[in-house]
Structures are given as structure tokens and as C-alpha cells.
PDB file of N, CA and C in Angstrom:
ATOM      1  N   MET A   1      87.417  98.198 113.472  1.00  0.00           N
ATOM      2  CA  MET A   1      87.434  99.645 113.377  1.00  0.00           C
ATOM      3  C   MET A   1      86.460 100.350 112.177  1.00  0.00           C
ATOM      4  N   PRO A   2      85.789 100.160 112.236  1.00  0.00           N
ATOM      5  CA  PRO A   2      84.257 100.979 111.167  1.00  0.00           C
ATOM      6  C   PRO A   2      85.020 102.323 110.512  1.00  0.00           C
ATOM      7  N   GLU A   3      85.329 102.694 111.261  1.00  0.00           N
ATOM      8  CA  GLU A   3      85.458 104.406 111.333  1.00  0.00           C
ATOM      9  C   GLU A   3      86.899 104.529 109.715  1.00  0.00           C
ATOM     10  N   LEU A   4      87.762 103.486 109.837  1.00  0.00           N
ATOM     11  CA  LEU A   4      88.452 103.666 109.321  1.00  0.00           C
ATOM     12  C   LEU A   4      88.254 103.056 107.781  1.00  0.00           C
ATOM     13  N   LEU A   5      87.166 102.646 107.569  1.00  0.00           N
ATOM     14  CA  LEU A   5      86.763 101.909 105.972  1.00  0.00           C
ATOM     15  C   LEU A   5      86.813 102.789 104.983  1.00  0.00           C
ATOM     16  N   PRO A   6      86.810 104.236 105.175  1.00  0.00           N
ATOM     17  CA  PRO A   6      86.636 105.231 103.794  1.00  0.00           C
ATOM     18  C   PRO A   6      88.133 105.144 103.619  1.00  0.00           C
ATOM     19  N   LEU A   7      88.782 105.064 104.394  1.00  0.00           N
ATOM     20  CA  LEU A   7      90.469 105.045 103.921  1.00  0.00           C
ATOM     21  C   LEU A   7      90.838 103.946 102.943  1.00  0.00           C
ATOM     22  N   PHE A   8      89.908 103.130 102.646  1.00  0.00           N
ATOM     23  CA  PHE A   8      90.376 101.969 101.561  1.00  0.00           C
ATOM     24  C   PHE A   8      89.233 101.794 100.697  1.00  0.00           C
ATOM     25  N   ASP A   9      89.880 101.397  99.423  1.00  0.00           N
ATOM     26  CA  ASP A   9      89.091 100.802  98.442  1.00  0.00           C
ATOM     27  C   ASP A   9      89.498  99.343  98.450  1.00  0.00           C
ATOM     28  N   PHE A  10      88.214  98.482  98.574  1.00  0.00           N
ATOM     29  CA  PHE A  10      88.936  97.299  98.541  1.00  0.00           C
ATOM     30  C   PHE A  10      88.449  96.544  97.774  1.00  0.00           C
ATOM     31  N   ASN A  11      87.648  96.971  96.709  1.00  0.00           N
ATOM     32  CA  ASN A  11      87.868  96.524  95.092  1.00  0.00           C
ATOM     33  C   ASN A  11      88.820  96.768  94.783  1.00  0.00           C
ATOM     34  N   GLU A  12      89.673  97.595  95.131  1.00  0.00           N
ATOM     35  CA  GLU A  12      90.777  98.108  94.075  1.00  0.00           C
ATOM     36  C   GLU A  12      92.414  97.675  94.890  1.00  0.00           C
ATOM     37  N   ARG A  13      91.961  97.315  95.780  1.00  0.00           N
ATOM     38  CA  ARG A  13      92.731  96.574  96.992  1.00  0.00           C
ATOM     39  C   ARG A  13      93.662  97.799  97.141  1.00  0.00           C
ATOM     40  N   VAL A  14      93.450  99.076  97.310  1.00  0.00           N
ATOM     41  CA  VAL A  14      94.690 100.197  97.410  1.00  0.00           C
ATOM     42  C   VAL A  14      93.527 100.642  98.783  1.00  0.00           C
ATOM     43  N   TYR A  15      94.606 101.644  99.462  1.00  0.00           N
ATOM     44  CA  TYR A  15      94.279 102.758 100.242  1.00  0.00           C
ATOM     45  C   TYR A  15      94.036 103.581  99.593  1.00  0.00           C
ATOM     46  N   LEU A  16      93.462 105.232  99.711  1.00  0.00           N
ATOM     47  CA  LEU A  16      93.186 106.012  99.499  1.00  0.00           C
ATOM     48  C   LEU A  16      94.025 107.307  99.712  1.00  0.00           C
ATOM     49  N   SER A  17      95.489 107.853  99.218  1.00  0.00           N
ATOM     50  CA  SER A  17      96.369 108.340 100.226  1.00  0.00           C
ATOM     51  C   SER A  17      95.701 109.779 100.216  1.00  0.00           C
ATOM     52  N   ASP A  18      94.950 110.061  99.258  1.00  0.00           N
ATOM     53  CA  ASP A  18      94.064 111.736  99.626  1.00  0.00           C
ATOM     54  C   ASP A  18      93.212 111.601 100.540  1.00  0.00           C
ATOM     55  N   VAL A  19      92.369 110.811 100.964  1.00  0.00           N
ATOM     56  CA  VAL A  19      91.350 110.562 102.035  1.00  0.00           C
ATOM     57  C   VAL A  19      92.176 110.137 103.098  1.00  0.00           C
ATOM     58  N   VAL A  20      93.465 109.282 103.638  1.00  0.00           N
ATOM     59  CA  VAL A  20      94.204 109.448 104.353  1.00  0.00           C
ATOM     60  C   VAL A  20      94.673 110.736 104.882  1.00  0.00           C
ATOM     61  N   GLU A  21      95.355 111.907 103.987  1.00  0.00           N
ATOM     62  CA  GLU A  21      95.943 112.591 104.616  1.00  0.00           C
ATOM     63  C   GLU A  21      94.883 113.540 105.303  1.00  0.00           C
ATOM     64  N   ARG A  22      93.755 113.748 104.539  1.00  0.00           N
ATOM     65  CA  ARG A  22      92.383 114.740 105.493  1.00  0.00           C
ATOM     66  C   ARG A  22      91.939 113.792 106.858  1.00  0.00           C
ATOM     67  N   TYR A  23      92.301 112.349 106.854  1.00  0.00           N
ATOM     68  CA  TYR A  23      91.359 112.309 107.869  1.00  0.00           C
ATOM     69  C   TYR A  23      92.905 112.418 108.986  1.00  0.00           C
ATOM     70  N   LEU A  24      93.974 111.509 108.918  1.00  0.00           N
ATOM     71  CA  LEU A  24      94.973 112.065 109.686  1.00  0.00           C
ATOM     72  C   LEU A  24      94.954 113.359 110.424  1.00  0.00           C
ATOM     73  N   SER A  25      94.789 114.490 109.039  1.00  0.00           N
ATOM     74  CA  SER A  25      94.582 116.060 110.041  1.00  0.00           C
ATOM     75  C   SER A  25      93.728 116.740 110.825  1.00  0.00           C
ATOM     76  N   THR A  26      92.498 115.264 110.774  1.00  0.00           N
ATOM     77  CA  THR A  26      91.404 115.837 111.425  1.00  0.00           C
ATOM     78  C   THR A  26      91.162 114.870 112.525  1.00  0.00           C
ATOM     79  N   ALA A  27      91.705 113.685 112.603  1.00  0.00           N
ATOM     80  CA  ALA A  27      91.359 112.335 113.646  1.00  0.00           C
ATOM     81  C   ALA A  27      92.039 113.347 114.719  1.00  0.00           C
ATOM     82  N   SER A  28      91.283 112.639 116.107  1.00  0.00           N
ATOM     83  CA  SER A  28      91.811 112.687 117.402  1.00  0.00           C
ATOM     84  C   SER A  28      93.055 112.077 117.412  1.00  0.00           C
ATOM     85  N   HIS A  29      93.981 112.232 118.511  1.00  0.00           N
ATOM     86  CA  HIS A  29      95.063 111.494 118.684  1.00  0.00           C
ATOM     87  C   HIS A  29      94.896 109.949 118.624  1.00  0.00           C
ATOM     88  N   GLY A  30      94.099 109.541 119.293  1.00  0.00           N
ATOM     89  CA  GLY A  30      93.935 107.966 119.143  1.00  0.00           C
ATOM     90  C   GLY A  30      93.525 107.380 117.883  1.00  0.00           C
ATOM     91  N   GLU A  31      92.684 108.248 117.177  1.00  0.00           N
ATOM     92  CA  GLU A  31      92.131 107.976 115.721  1.00  0.00           C
ATOM     93  C   GLU A  31      93.432 107.494 115.154  1.00  0.00           C
ATOM     94  N   SER A  32      94.478 108.377 115.104  1.00  0.00           N
ATOM     95  CA  SER A  32      95.351 108.705 114.212  1.00  0.00           C
ATOM     96  C   SER A  32      96.497 107.594 114.287  1.00  0.00           C
ATOM     97  N   ILE A  33      96.478 107.508 115.430  1.00  0.00           N
ATOM     98  CA  ILE A  33      97.247 105.719 116.059  1.00  0.00           C
ATOM     99  C   ILE A  33      96.987 104.627 115.154  1.00  0.00           C
ATOM    100  N   MET A  34      95.583 104.741 115.311  1.00  0.00           N
ATOM    101  CA  MET A  34      94.757 103.319 114.692  1.00  0.00           C
ATOM    102  C   MET A  34      95.190 103.253 113.432  1.00  0.00           C
ATOM    103  N   ALA A  35      94.414 104.537 112.815  1.00  0.00           N
ATOM    104  CA  ALA A  35      94.803 104.895 111.375  1.00  0.00           C
ATOM    105  C   ALA A  35      95.923 104.524 110.757  1.00  0.00           C
ATOM    106  N   ARG A  36      97.106 104.934 111.435  1.00  0.00           N
ATOM    107  CA  ARG A  36      98.897 104.687 111.096  1.00  0.00           C
ATOM    108  C   ARG A  36      98.928 102.985 111.411  1.00  0.00           C
ATOM    109  N   PHE A  37      98.189 102.266 112.561  1.00  0.00           N
ATOM    110  CA  PHE A  37      98.258 100.823 112.626  1.00  0.00           C
ATOM    111  C   PHE A  37      98.003 100.121 111.296  1.00  0.00           C
ATOM    112  N   ALA A  38      96.480 100.718 110.898  1.00  0.00           N
ATOM    113  CA  ALA A  38      95.543  99.699 110.170  1.00  0.00           C
ATOM    114  C   ALA A  38      96.523  99.888 108.506  1.00  0.00           C
ATOM    115  N   LEU A  39      97.180 101.314 108.393  1.00  0.00           N
ATOM    116  CA  LEU A  39      97.739 101.533 107.087  1.00  0.00           C
ATOM    117  C   LEU A  39      99.453 100.888 107.021  1.00  0.00           C
ATOM    118  N   GLY A  40      99.511 100.861 107.817  1.00  0.00           N
ATOM    119  CA  GLY A  40     101.118  99.891 108.317  1.00  0.00           C
ATOM    120  C   GLY A  40     100.664  98.396 107.940  1.00  0.00           C
ATOM    121  N   ILE A  41      99.996  97.402 108.112  1.00  0.00           N
ATOM    122  CA  ILE A  41      99.570  96.593 108.000  1.00  0.00           C
ATOM    123  C   ILE A  41      98.960  96.638 106.286  1.00  0.00           C
ATOM    124  N   TRP A  42      97.975  97.074 106.292  1.00  0.00           N
ATOM    125  CA  TRP A  42      97.597  97.094 104.702  1.00  0.00           C
ATOM    126  C   TRP A  42      98.792  97.463 103.772  1.00  0.00           C
ATOM    127  N   ARG A  43      99.727  98.100 104.415  1.00  0.00           N
ATOM    128  CA  ARG A  43     100.916  98.552 103.356  1.00  0.00           C
ATOM    129  C   ARG A  43     102.377  97.786 103.396  1.00  0.00           C
ATOM    130  N   HIS A  44     102.309  96.605 104.237  1.00  0.00           N
ATOM    131  CA  HIS A  44     103.318  95.900 104.911  1.00  0.00           C
ATOM    132  C   HIS A  44     104.422  96.766 105.342  1.00  0.00           C
ATOM    133  N   GLU A  45     104.016  98.242 105.468  1.00  0.00           N
ATOM    134  CA  GLU A  45     105.497  98.815 105.605  1.00  0.00           C
ATOM    135  C   GLU A  45     105.492  99.705 106.558  1.00  0.00           C
ATOM    136  N   ASN A  46     105.562 101.001 107.461  1.00  0.00           N
ATOM    137  CA  ASN A  46     105.498 101.850 108.465  1.00  0.00           C
ATOM    138  C   ASN A  46     105.590 103.281 107.591  1.00  0.00           C
ATOM    139  N   GLN A  47     105.141 103.686 106.565  1.00  0.00           N
ATOM    140  CA  GLN A  47     105.192 104.643 105.878  1.00  0.00           C
ATOM    141  C   GLN A  47     104.463 105.884 107.110  1.00  0.00           C
ATOM    142  N   TYR A  48     103.668 105.402 107.886  1.00  0.00           N
ATOM    143  CA  TYR A  48     103.077 106.613 108.686  1.00  0.00           C
ATOM    144  C   TYR A  48     103.323 106.803 109.997  1.00  0.00           C
ATOM    145  N   ASN A  49     104.465 105.513 110.374  1.00  0.00           N
ATOM    146  CA  ASN A  49     105.172 105.836 111.170  1.00  0.00           C
ATOM    147  C   ASN A  49     104.101 105.812 112.470  1.00  0.00           C
ATOM    148  N   PHE A  50     103.598 104.102 112.806  1.00  0.00           N
ATOM    149  CA  PHE A  50     102.940 103.576 113.973  1.00  0.00           C
ATOM    150  C   PHE A  50     104.131 103.320 114.943  1.00  0.00           C
ATOM    151  N   ASP A  51     103.600 104.023 116.088  1.00  0.00           N
ATOM    152  CA  ASP A  51     104.337 103.518 117.327  1.00  0.00           C
ATOM    153  C   ASP A  51     103.899 103.033 118.407  1.00  0.00           C
ATOM    154  N   PHE A  52     104.411 101.695 118.612  1.00  0.00           N
ATOM    155  CA  PHE A  52     103.800 101.030 119.852  1.00  0.00           C
ATOM    156  C   PHE A  52     104.297 101.872 121.272  1.00  0.00           C
ATOM    157  N   LEU A  53     104.989 102.376 121.521  1.00  0.00           N
ATOM    158  CA  LEU A  53     105.019 103.110 122.921  1.00  0.00           C
ATOM    159  C   LEU A  53     104.330 104.369 122.801  1.00  0.00           C
ATOM    160  N   GLU A  54     104.190 104.744 121.780  1.00  0.00           N
ATOM    161  CA  GLU A  54     102.777 106.065 121.493  1.00  0.00           C
ATOM    162  C   GLU A  54     101.458 105.217 122.318  1.00  0.00           C
ATOM    163  N   ALA A  55     101.386 103.916 121.057  1.00  0.00           N
ATOM    164  CA  ALA A  55     100.049 103.496 121.269  1.00  0.00           C
ATOM    165  C   ALA A  55      99.765 103.358 122.599  1.00  0.00           C
ATOM    166  N   ALA A  56     100.774 102.544 122.969  1.00  0.00           N
ATOM    167  CA  ALA A  56     100.636 101.866 124.738  1.00  0.00           C
ATOM    168  C   ALA A  56      99.912 103.119 125.881  1.00  0.00           C
ATOM    169  N   SER A  57     100.738 104.127 125.566  1.00  0.00           N
ATOM    170  CA  SER A  57     100.249 105.368 125.990  1.00  0.00           C
ATOM    171  C   SER A  57      99.013 106.089 125.723  1.00  0.00           C
ATOM    172  N   ILE A  58      98.931 105.900 124.629  1.00  0.00           N
ATOM    173  CA  ILE A  58      97.540 106.642 124.504  1.00  0.00           C
ATOM    174  C   ILE A  58      96.218 106.217 124.099  1.00  0.00           C
ATOM    175  N   LEU A  59      96.480 104.621 123.572  1.00  0.00           N
ATOM    176  CA  LEU A  59      94.928 104.334 123.239  1.00  0.00           C
ATOM    177  C   LEU A  59      94.272 103.945 124.997  1.00  0.00           C
ATOM    178  N   ASP A  60      92.645 103.335 124.466  1.00  0.00           N
ATOM    179  CA  ASP A  60      92.379 103.155 125.318  1.00  0.00           C
ATOM    180  C   ASP A  60      92.277 101.602 125.204  1.00  0.00           C
ATOM    181  N   GLU A  61      91.364 101.023 126.192  1.00  0.00           N
ATOM    182  CA  GLU A  61      91.853  99.232 126.378  1.00  0.00           C
ATOM    183  C   GLU A  61      91.319  98.800 125.024  1.00  0.00           C
ATOM    184  N   ARG A  62      90.382  99.200 124.706  1.00  0.00           N
ATOM    185  CA  ARG A  62      89.798  98.348 123.689  1.00  0.00           C
ATOM    186  C   ARG A  62      90.687  98.653 122.264  1.00  0.00           C
ATOM    187  N   TYR A  63      91.380  99.248 122.001  1.00  0.00           N
ATOM    188  CA  TYR A  63      92.150  99.115 120.638  1.00  0.00           C
ATOM    189  C   TYR A  63      93.251  99.039 121.302  1.00  0.00           C
ATOM    190  N   LYS A  64      93.551  98.924 122.578  1.00  0.00           N
ATOM    191  CA  LYS A  64      94.919  98.235 122.884  1.00  0.00           C
ATOM    192  C   LYS A  64      95.199  96.684 122.424  1.00  0.00           C
ATOM    193  N   VAL A  65      93.566  96.060 122.972  1.00  0.00           N
ATOM    194  CA  VAL A  65      93.364  94.949 122.421  1.00  0.00           C
ATOM    195  C   VAL A  65      93.385  94.320 121.164  1.00  0.00           C
ATOM    196  N   ILE A  66      92.900  95.696 119.927  1.00  0.00           N
ATOM    197  CA  ILE A  66      92.923  94.832 118.900  1.00  0.00           C
ATOM    198  C   ILE A  66      94.577  95.259 118.534  1.00  0.00           C
ATOM    199  N   VAL A  67      95.790  95.988 118.900  1.00  0.00           N
ATOM    200  CA  VAL A  67      97.109  95.627 118.704  1.00  0.00           C
ATOM    201  C   VAL A  67      97.702  94.622 119.026  1.00  0.00           C
ATOM    202  N   ALA A  68      97.154  94.161 120.250  1.00  0.00           N
ATOM    203  CA  ALA A  68      97.886  93.207 121.342  1.00  0.00           C
ATOM    204  C   ALA A  68      97.445  92.031 119.946  1.00  0.00           C
ATOM    205  N   SER A  69      96.203  91.852 119.576  1.00  0.00           N
ATOM    206  CA  SER A  69      95.730  90.327 119.054  1.00  0.00           C
ATOM    207  C   SER A  69      96.027  90.403 117.389  1.00  0.00           C
ATOM    208  N   TRP A  70      96.599  91.654 116.952  1.00  0.00           N
ATOM    209  CA  TRP A  70      97.132  91.753 115.577  1.00  0.00           C
ATOM    210  C   TRP A  70      98.502  91.139 115.947  1.00  0.00           C
ATOM    211  N   PHE A  71      99.273  91.709 117.081  1.00  0.00           N
ATOM    212  CA  PHE A  71     100.498  91.390 117.492  1.00  0.00           C
ATOM    213  C   PHE A  71     100.836  89.793 117.825  1.00  0.00           C
ATOM    214  N   ASN A  72     100.135  89.381 118.343  1.00  0.00           N
ATOM    215  CA  ASN A  72     100.287  88.007 118.824  1.00  0.00           C
ATOM    216  C   ASN A  72      99.774  87.576 117.773  1.00  0.00           C
ATOM    217  N   ASP A  73      99.234  87.499 116.840  1.00  0.00           N
ATOM    218  CA  ASP A  73      98.897  86.481 115.639  1.00  0.00           C
ATOM    219  C   ASP A  73      98.321  87.499 114.074  1.00  0.00           C
ATOM    220  N   PRO A  74      99.759  88.098 113.662  1.00  0.00           N
ATOM    221  CA  PRO A  74      99.611  89.014 112.608  1.00  0.00           C
ATOM    222  C   PRO A  74      99.175  88.304 111.555  1.00  0.00           C
ATOM    223  N   PHE A  75      98.707  89.272 110.709  1.00  0.00           N
ATOM    224  CA  PHE A  75      97.984  88.802 109.640  1.00  0.00           C
ATOM    225  C   PHE A  75      98.334  89.702 108.338  1.00  0.00           C
ATOM    226  N   TRP A  76      98.132  89.655 107.049  1.00  0.00           N
ATOM    227  CA  TRP A  76      98.798  90.346 106.468  1.00  0.00           C
ATOM    228  C   TRP A  76      97.782  90.567 104.820  1.00  0.00           C
ATOM    229  N   PRO A  77      97.374  91.548 104.990  1.00  0.00           N
ATOM    230  CA  PRO A  77      96.134  91.679 103.458  1.00  0.00           C
ATOM    231  C   PRO A  77      96.780  91.587 102.329  1.00  0.00           C
TER     232      PRO A  77
END
């Protein structure tokens, strides 16, 4: 999900909350779901309210595969 890379500072190992808020306010529904998914993994908590049922009903197959793959073999940065 290269479109989500600007949300993170990998050198400092942080997410950029101001960038995240701007992104979430302009992203499509599917992009927002995927951002909330990635942020939940990054933060080890569901602060941005990722919802599996919402994801299953909205995401296209490519993104569903990403979520399902993580669910089958989770990793934590």
C-alpha cells in the first residue's frame, strides 16, 4: 500500500498524526479503511476504529487479500 507511506516516519518509527488526520479527511472510503487497518497494526491498538465487517463489505479483492493475509499470519512492527 504505497499510498500510505507518507503517513509514517520510518526512521523515527512513528506515525504522523497530523498527516493521518488530513489523509483520512480526504481519502476514499476504501483508502480510509486500509489506512485505519495499517494504523491499527502500527500502533498495536484500534485507535482509528478499523472494522472487519465494514472492510469485508467495502474493500475490493486486492485489499481484502491484504487484510486476510495479515489475519492469517499477523506481524507487529
